[in-house]
PDB file of N, CA and C in Angstrom:
ATOM      1  N   MET A   1     -25.878  -9.000  46.721  1.00  0.00           N
ATOM      2  CA  MET A   1     -24.844  -9.193  45.728  1.00  0.00           C
ATOM      3  C   MET A   1     -23.499  -8.646  46.214  1.00  0.00           C
ATOM      4  N   THR A   2     -23.542  -7.630  47.038  1.00  0.00           N
ATOM      5  CA  THR A   2     -22.275  -7.071  47.527  1.00  0.00           C
ATOM      6  C   THR A   2     -21.500  -8.088  48.351  1.00  0.00           C
ATOM      7  N   GLU A   3     -22.200  -9.039  48.974  1.00  0.00           N
ATOM      8  CA  GLU A   3     -21.510 -10.082  49.734  1.00  0.00           C
ATOM      9  C   GLU A   3     -20.735 -11.025  48.825  1.00  0.00           C
ATOM     10  N   LEU A   4     -21.059 -11.028  47.557  1.00  0.00           N
ATOM     11  CA  LEU A   4     -20.384 -11.901  46.599  1.00  0.00           C
ATOM     12  C   LEU A   4     -19.226 -11.222  45.881  1.00  0.00           C
ATOM     13  N   LYS A   5     -19.031  -9.939  46.130  1.00  0.00           N
ATOM     14  CA  LYS A   5     -18.034  -9.192  45.360  1.00  0.00           C
ATOM     15  C   LYS A   5     -16.608  -9.697  45.544  1.00  0.00           C
ATOM     16  N   ASP A   6     -16.308 -10.324  46.679  1.00  0.00           N
ATOM     17  CA  ASP A   6     -14.951 -10.819  46.905  1.00  0.00           C
ATOM     18  C   ASP A   6     -14.777 -12.283  46.524  1.00  0.00           C
ATOM     19  N   GLU A   7     -15.859 -12.908  46.081  1.00  0.00           N
ATOM     20  CA  GLU A   7     -15.775 -14.289  45.603  1.00  0.00           C
ATOM     21  C   GLU A   7     -15.244 -14.271  44.173  1.00  0.00           C
ATOM     22  N   ARG A   8     -14.655 -15.350  43.760  1.00  0.00           N
ATOM     23  CA  ARG A   8     -14.161 -15.437  42.389  1.00  0.00           C
ATOM     24  C   ARG A   8     -15.182 -16.244  41.587  1.00  0.00           C
ATOM     25  N   ILE A   9     -16.174 -15.554  41.067  1.00  0.00           N
ATOM     26  CA  ILE A   9     -17.277 -16.204  40.363  1.00  0.00           C
ATOM     27  C   ILE A   9     -16.945 -16.300  38.883  1.00  0.00           C
ATOM     28  N   ASP A  10     -16.998 -17.519  38.383  1.00  0.00           N
ATOM     29  CA  ASP A  10     -16.732 -17.728  36.958  1.00  0.00           C
ATOM     30  C   ASP A  10     -17.971 -17.472  36.111  1.00  0.00           C
ATOM     31  N   VAL A  11     -19.111 -18.062  36.506  1.00  0.00           N
ATOM     32  CA  VAL A  11     -20.333 -17.948  35.710  1.00  0.00           C
ATOM     33  C   VAL A  11     -21.497 -17.570  36.623  1.00  0.00           C
ATOM     34  N   ALA A  12     -22.261 -16.565  36.207  1.00  0.00           N
ATOM     35  CA  ALA A  12     -23.460 -16.158  36.934  1.00  0.00           C
ATOM     36  C   ALA A  12     -24.650 -16.216  35.989  1.00  0.00           C
ATOM     37  N   PHE A  13     -25.712 -16.862  36.421  1.00  0.00           N
ATOM     38  CA  PHE A  13     -26.970 -16.890  35.684  1.00  0.00           C
ATOM     39  C   PHE A  13     -27.874 -15.856  36.354  1.00  0.00           C
ATOM     40  N   LEU A  14     -28.162 -14.756  35.660  1.00  0.00           N
ATOM     41  CA  LEU A  14     -28.939 -13.675  36.263  1.00  0.00           C
ATOM     42  C   LEU A  14     -30.260 -13.473  35.527  1.00  0.00           C
ATOM     43  N   PRO A  15     -31.363 -13.359  36.288  1.00  0.00           N
ATOM     44  CA  PRO A  15     -32.659 -13.102  35.672  1.00  0.00           C
ATOM     45  C   PRO A  15     -32.745 -11.665  35.180  1.00  0.00           C
ATOM     46  N   ILE A  16     -33.411 -11.453  34.051  1.00  0.00           N
ATOM     47  CA  ILE A  16     -33.547 -10.097  33.504  1.00  0.00           C
ATOM     48  C   ILE A  16     -34.987  -9.737  33.171  1.00  0.00           C
ATOM     49  N   GLY A  17     -35.934 -10.607  33.479  1.00  0.00           N
ATOM     50  CA  GLY A  17     -37.315 -10.432  33.039  1.00  0.00           C
ATOM     51  C   GLY A  17     -38.135  -9.372  33.745  1.00  0.00           C
ATOM     52  N   GLY A  18     -37.668  -8.857  34.873  1.00  0.00           N
ATOM     53  CA  GLY A  18     -38.460  -7.866  35.596  1.00  0.00           C
ATOM     54  C   GLY A  18     -39.593  -8.524  36.364  1.00  0.00           C
ATOM     55  N   THR A  19     -40.737  -7.931  36.397  1.00  0.00           N
ATOM     56  CA  THR A  19     -41.959  -8.392  37.065  1.00  0.00           C
ATOM     57  C   THR A  19     -41.727  -9.317  38.261  1.00  0.00           C
ATOM     58  N   TYR A  20     -41.206 -10.515  38.068  1.00  0.00           N
ATOM     59  CA  TYR A  20     -41.010 -11.482  39.150  1.00  0.00           C
ATOM     60  C   TYR A  20     -39.549 -11.597  39.578  1.00  0.00           C
ATOM     61  N   THR A  21     -38.649 -10.971  38.842  1.00  0.00           N
ATOM     62  CA  THR A  21     -37.206 -11.069  39.096  1.00  0.00           C
ATOM     63  C   THR A  21     -36.568  -9.695  38.868  1.00  0.00           C
ATOM     64  N   MET A  22     -35.259  -9.654  38.846  1.00  0.00           N
ATOM     65  CA  MET A  22     -34.555  -8.421  38.496  1.00  0.00           C
ATOM     66  C   MET A  22     -34.896  -8.046  37.066  1.00  0.00           C
ATOM     67  N   ASP A  23     -34.875  -6.742  36.788  1.00  0.00           N
ATOM     68  CA  ASP A  23     -35.000  -6.318  35.401  1.00  0.00           C
ATOM     69  C   ASP A  23     -33.585  -6.156  34.828  1.00  0.00           C
ATOM     70  N   ILE A  24     -33.494  -5.713  33.607  1.00  0.00           N
ATOM     71  CA  ILE A  24     -32.191  -5.598  32.937  1.00  0.00           C
ATOM     72  C   ILE A  24     -31.229  -4.705  33.720  1.00  0.00           C
ATOM     73  N   ASP A  25     -31.681  -3.522  34.102  1.00  0.00           N
ATOM     74  CA  ASP A  25     -30.781  -2.591  34.787  1.00  0.00           C
ATOM     75  C   ASP A  25     -30.340  -3.110  36.151  1.00  0.00           C
ATOM     76  N   GLU A  26     -31.245  -3.767  36.872  1.00  0.00           N
ATOM     77  CA  GLU A  26     -30.874  -4.353  38.164  1.00  0.00           C
ATOM     78  C   GLU A  26     -29.871  -5.486  37.990  1.00  0.00           C
ATOM     79  N   ALA A  27     -30.054  -6.281  36.941  1.00  0.00           N
ATOM     80  CA  ALA A  27     -29.122  -7.378  36.670  1.00  0.00           C
ATOM     81  C   ALA A  27     -27.749  -6.846  36.247  1.00  0.00           C
ATOM     82  N   VAL A  28     -27.737  -5.769  35.499  1.00  0.00           N
ATOM     83  CA  VAL A  28     -26.459  -5.146  35.120  1.00  0.00           C
ATOM     84  C   VAL A  28     -25.728  -4.691  36.381  1.00  0.00           C
ATOM     85  N   GLU A  29     -26.430  -4.035  37.295  1.00  0.00           N
ATOM     86  CA  GLU A  29     -25.806  -3.583  38.539  1.00  0.00           C
ATOM     87  C   GLU A  29     -25.312  -4.762  39.373  1.00  0.00           C
ATOM     88  N   ALA A  30     -26.110  -5.823  39.453  1.00  0.00           N
ATOM     89  CA  ALA A  30     -25.707  -7.003  40.226  1.00  0.00           C
ATOM     90  C   ALA A  30     -24.427  -7.599  39.645  1.00  0.00           C
ATOM     91  N   ALA A  31     -24.382  -7.740  38.340  1.00  0.00           N
ATOM     92  CA  ALA A  31     -23.194  -8.305  37.692  1.00  0.00           C
ATOM     93  C   ALA A  31     -21.989  -7.387  37.877  1.00  0.00           C
ATOM     94  N   PHE A  32     -22.206  -6.088  37.798  1.00  0.00           N
ATOM     95  CA  PHE A  32     -21.114  -5.136  37.962  1.00  0.00           C
ATOM     96  C   PHE A  32     -20.501  -5.256  39.356  1.00  0.00           C
ATOM     97  N   VAL A  33     -21.339  -5.484  40.355  1.00  0.00           N
ATOM     98  CA  VAL A  33     -20.856  -5.643  41.735  1.00  0.00           C
ATOM     99  C   VAL A  33     -20.161  -6.994  41.918  1.00  0.00           C
ATOM    100  N   MET A  34     -20.761  -8.057  41.374  1.00  0.00           N
ATOM    101  CA  MET A  34     -20.237  -9.415  41.551  1.00  0.00           C
ATOM    102  C   MET A  34     -18.974  -9.667  40.732  1.00  0.00           C
ATOM    103  N   LYS A  35     -18.897  -9.067  39.561  1.00  0.00           N
ATOM    104  CA  LYS A  35     -17.773  -9.216  38.634  1.00  0.00           C
ATOM    105  C   LYS A  35     -17.488 -10.670  38.206  1.00  0.00           C
ATOM    106  N   PRO A  36     -18.515 -11.395  37.769  1.00  0.00           N
ATOM    107  CA  PRO A  36     -18.252 -12.746  37.257  1.00  0.00           C
ATOM    108  C   PRO A  36     -17.556 -12.649  35.899  1.00  0.00           C
ATOM    109  N   ARG A  37     -16.834 -13.694  35.538  1.00  0.00           N
ATOM    110  CA  ARG A  37     -16.187 -13.695  34.220  1.00  0.00           C
ATOM    111  C   ARG A  37     -17.226 -13.768  33.105  1.00  0.00           C
ATOM    112  N   ILE A  38     -18.250 -14.586  33.307  1.00  0.00           N
ATOM    113  CA  ILE A  38     -19.289 -14.797  32.294  1.00  0.00           C
ATOM    114  C   ILE A  38     -20.656 -14.649  32.945  1.00  0.00           C
ATOM    115  N   VAL A  39     -21.579 -13.990  32.237  1.00  0.00           N
ATOM    116  CA  VAL A  39     -22.953 -13.855  32.708  1.00  0.00           C
ATOM    117  C   VAL A  39     -23.884 -14.395  31.631  1.00  0.00           C
ATOM    118  N   ILE A  40     -24.845 -15.195  32.060  1.00  0.00           N
ATOM    119  CA  ILE A  40     -25.856 -15.735  31.157  1.00  0.00           C
ATOM    120  C   ILE A  40     -27.211 -15.235  31.642  1.00  0.00           C
ATOM    121  N   PRO A  41     -27.920 -14.443  30.799  1.00  0.00           N
ATOM    122  CA  PRO A  41     -29.235 -13.955  31.207  1.00  0.00           C
ATOM    123  C   PRO A  41     -30.270 -15.081  31.165  1.00  0.00           C
ATOM    124  N   VAL A  42     -31.154 -15.109  32.179  1.00  0.00           N
ATOM    125  CA  VAL A  42     -32.191 -16.137  32.265  1.00  0.00           C
ATOM    126  C   VAL A  42     -33.514 -15.509  32.708  1.00  0.00           C
ATOM    127  N   HIS A  43     -34.558 -16.312  32.707  1.00  0.00           N
ATOM    128  CA  HIS A  43     -35.899 -15.929  33.176  1.00  0.00           C
ATOM    129  C   HIS A  43     -36.454 -14.709  32.459  1.00  0.00           C
ATOM    130  N   TYR A  44     -36.568 -14.808  31.149  1.00  0.00           N
ATOM    131  CA  TYR A  44     -37.159 -13.730  30.364  1.00  0.00           C
ATOM    132  C   TYR A  44     -37.902 -14.338  29.171  1.00  0.00           C
ATOM    133  N   ASN A  45     -38.942 -13.638  28.724  1.00  0.00           N
ATOM    134  CA  ASN A  45     -39.713 -13.955  27.512  1.00  0.00           C
ATOM    135  C   ASN A  45     -40.450 -15.289  27.531  1.00  0.00           C
ATOM    136  N   HIS A  46     -40.606 -15.922  28.673  1.00  0.00           N
ATOM    137  CA  HIS A  46     -41.346 -17.191  28.711  1.00  0.00           C
ATOM    138  C   HIS A  46     -42.712 -17.042  29.366  1.00  0.00           C
ATOM    139  N   ILE A  47     -42.861 -16.071  30.239  1.00  0.00           N
ATOM    140  CA  ILE A  47     -44.113 -15.822  30.938  1.00  0.00           C
ATOM    141  C   ILE A  47     -44.523 -14.386  30.646  1.00  0.00           C
ATOM    142  N   LYS A  48     -45.813 -14.180  30.417  1.00  0.00           N
ATOM    143  CA  LYS A  48     -46.296 -12.823  30.167  1.00  0.00           C
ATOM    144  C   LYS A  48     -45.841 -11.913  31.308  1.00  0.00           C
ATOM    145  N   GLY A  49     -45.301 -10.763  30.949  1.00  0.00           N
ATOM    146  CA  GLY A  49     -44.796  -9.818  31.942  1.00  0.00           C
ATOM    147  C   GLY A  49     -43.292  -9.904  32.135  1.00  0.00           C
ATOM    148  N   THR A  50     -42.648 -10.867  31.452  1.00  0.00           N
ATOM    149  CA  THR A  50     -41.194 -10.996  31.608  1.00  0.00           C
ATOM    150  C   THR A  50     -40.456 -10.698  30.304  1.00  0.00           C
ATOM    151  N   GLU A  51     -41.075  -9.894  29.462  1.00  0.00           N
ATOM    152  CA  GLU A  51     -40.442  -9.569  28.180  1.00  0.00           C
ATOM    153  C   GLU A  51     -39.189  -8.723  28.424  1.00  0.00           C
ATOM    154  N   ALA A  52     -38.089  -9.165  27.875  1.00  0.00           N
ATOM    155  CA  ALA A  52     -36.828  -8.433  28.003  1.00  0.00           C
ATOM    156  C   ALA A  52     -35.942  -8.790  26.817  1.00  0.00           C
ATOM    157  N   ASP A  53     -35.079  -7.879  26.456  1.00  0.00           N
ATOM    158  CA  ASP A  53     -34.171  -8.069  25.331  1.00  0.00           C
ATOM    159  C   ASP A  53     -32.784  -8.460  25.863  1.00  0.00           C
ATOM    160  N   PRO A  54     -32.397  -9.716  25.705  1.00  0.00           N
ATOM    161  CA  PRO A  54     -31.091 -10.132  26.219  1.00  0.00           C
ATOM    162  C   PRO A  54     -29.925  -9.411  25.547  1.00  0.00           C
ATOM    163  N   MET A  55     -30.123  -8.962  24.319  1.00  0.00           N
ATOM    164  CA  MET A  55     -29.054  -8.234  23.642  1.00  0.00           C
ATOM    165  C   MET A  55     -28.869  -6.837  24.246  1.00  0.00           C
ATOM    166  N   GLU A  56     -29.951  -6.241  24.732  1.00  0.00           N
ATOM    167  CA  GLU A  56     -29.836  -4.965  25.450  1.00  0.00           C
ATOM    168  C   GLU A  56     -29.039  -5.173  26.734  1.00  0.00           C
ATOM    169  N   PHE A  57     -29.351  -6.259  27.455  1.00  0.00           N
ATOM    170  CA  PHE A  57     -28.603  -6.594  28.666  1.00  0.00           C
ATOM    171  C   PHE A  57     -27.122  -6.771  28.340  1.00  0.00           C
ATOM    172  N   LYS A  58     -26.830  -7.527  27.298  1.00  0.00           N
ATOM    173  CA  LYS A  58     -25.443  -7.778  26.877  1.00  0.00           C
ATOM    174  C   LYS A  58     -24.727  -6.463  26.592  1.00  0.00           C
ATOM    175  N   ARG A  59     -25.370  -5.614  25.823  1.00  0.00           N
ATOM    176  CA  ARG A  59     -24.771  -4.331  25.441  1.00  0.00           C
ATOM    177  C   ARG A  59     -24.496  -3.475  26.683  1.00  0.00           C
ATOM    178  N   LYS A  60     -25.485  -3.366  27.559  1.00  0.00           N
ATOM    179  CA  LYS A  60     -25.323  -2.524  28.752  1.00  0.00           C
ATOM    180  C   LYS A  60     -24.227  -3.042  29.673  1.00  0.00           C
ATOM    181  N   LEU A  61     -24.207  -4.339  29.907  1.00  0.00           N
ATOM    182  CA  LEU A  61     -23.212  -4.884  30.833  1.00  0.00           C
ATOM    183  C   LEU A  61     -21.813  -4.853  30.245  1.00  0.00           C
ATOM    184  N   GLU A  62     -21.671  -5.241  28.995  1.00  0.00           N
ATOM    185  CA  GLU A  62     -20.329  -5.258  28.404  1.00  0.00           C
ATOM    186  C   GLU A  62     -19.773  -3.855  28.244  1.00  0.00           C
ATOM    187  N   ASN A  63     -20.636  -2.850  28.085  1.00  0.00           N
ATOM    188  CA  ASN A  63     -20.163  -1.457  28.030  1.00  0.00           C
ATOM    189  C   ASN A  63     -19.751  -0.944  29.403  1.00  0.00           C
ATOM    190  N   LYS A  64     -20.328  -1.496  30.451  1.00  0.00           N
ATOM    191  CA  LYS A  64     -20.083  -1.003  31.808  1.00  0.00           C
ATOM    192  C   LYS A  64     -18.999  -1.775  32.545  1.00  0.00           C
ATOM    193  N   GLY A  65     -18.916  -3.062  32.322  1.00  0.00           N
ATOM    194  CA  GLY A  65     -18.038  -3.871  33.165  1.00  0.00           C
ATOM    195  C   GLY A  65     -17.083  -4.756  32.395  1.00  0.00           C
ATOM    196  N   GLU A  66     -16.538  -5.690  33.128  1.00  0.00           N
ATOM    197  CA  GLU A  66     -15.538  -6.582  32.571  1.00  0.00           C
ATOM    198  C   GLU A  66     -16.108  -7.955  32.222  1.00  0.00           C
ATOM    199  N   SER A  67     -17.357  -8.200  32.582  1.00  0.00           N
ATOM    200  CA  SER A  67     -17.975  -9.507  32.338  1.00  0.00           C
ATOM    201  C   SER A  67     -18.338  -9.694  30.876  1.00  0.00           C
ATOM    202  N   LYS A  68     -18.192 -10.931  30.425  1.00  0.00           N
ATOM    203  CA  LYS A  68     -18.647 -11.288  29.084  1.00  0.00           C
ATOM    204  C   LYS A  68     -20.052 -11.879  29.218  1.00  0.00           C
ATOM    205  N   VAL A  69     -20.948 -11.496  28.321  1.00  0.00           N
ATOM    206  CA  VAL A  69     -22.322 -12.011  28.351  1.00  0.00           C
ATOM    207  C   VAL A  69     -22.502 -13.008  27.230  1.00  0.00           C
ATOM    208  N   ILE A  70     -23.063 -14.153  27.569  1.00  0.00           N
ATOM    209  CA  ILE A  70     -23.381 -15.182  26.582  1.00  0.00           C
ATOM    210  C   ILE A  70     -24.889 -15.352  26.593  1.00  0.00           C
ATOM    211  N   VAL A  71     -25.529 -15.091  25.457  1.00  0.00           N
ATOM    212  CA  VAL A  71     -26.976 -15.274  25.319  1.00  0.00           C
ATOM    213  C   VAL A  71     -27.189 -16.638  24.684  1.00  0.00           C
ATOM    214  N   LEU A  72     -27.896 -17.500  25.391  1.00  0.00           N
ATOM    215  CA  LEU A  72     -28.157 -18.850  24.872  1.00  0.00           C
ATOM    216  C   LEU A  72     -29.416 -18.887  24.048  1.00  0.00           C
TER     217      LEU A  72
END
């Protein structure tokens, strides 16, 4: 993700489900490094073991960084 920090990313779709992908805290750190304008959390709550609260992700990221989170 650090290689993307100098790119001008408008929208990032980041997984938050854990188990098979990044978890919430890892996704928050990735977004904080990348600094996209908008982040949409994906890959959660569809497969057993990927339970995650997208509103927790939204709260953590918006409190830490400049990105806006849109939960679909």
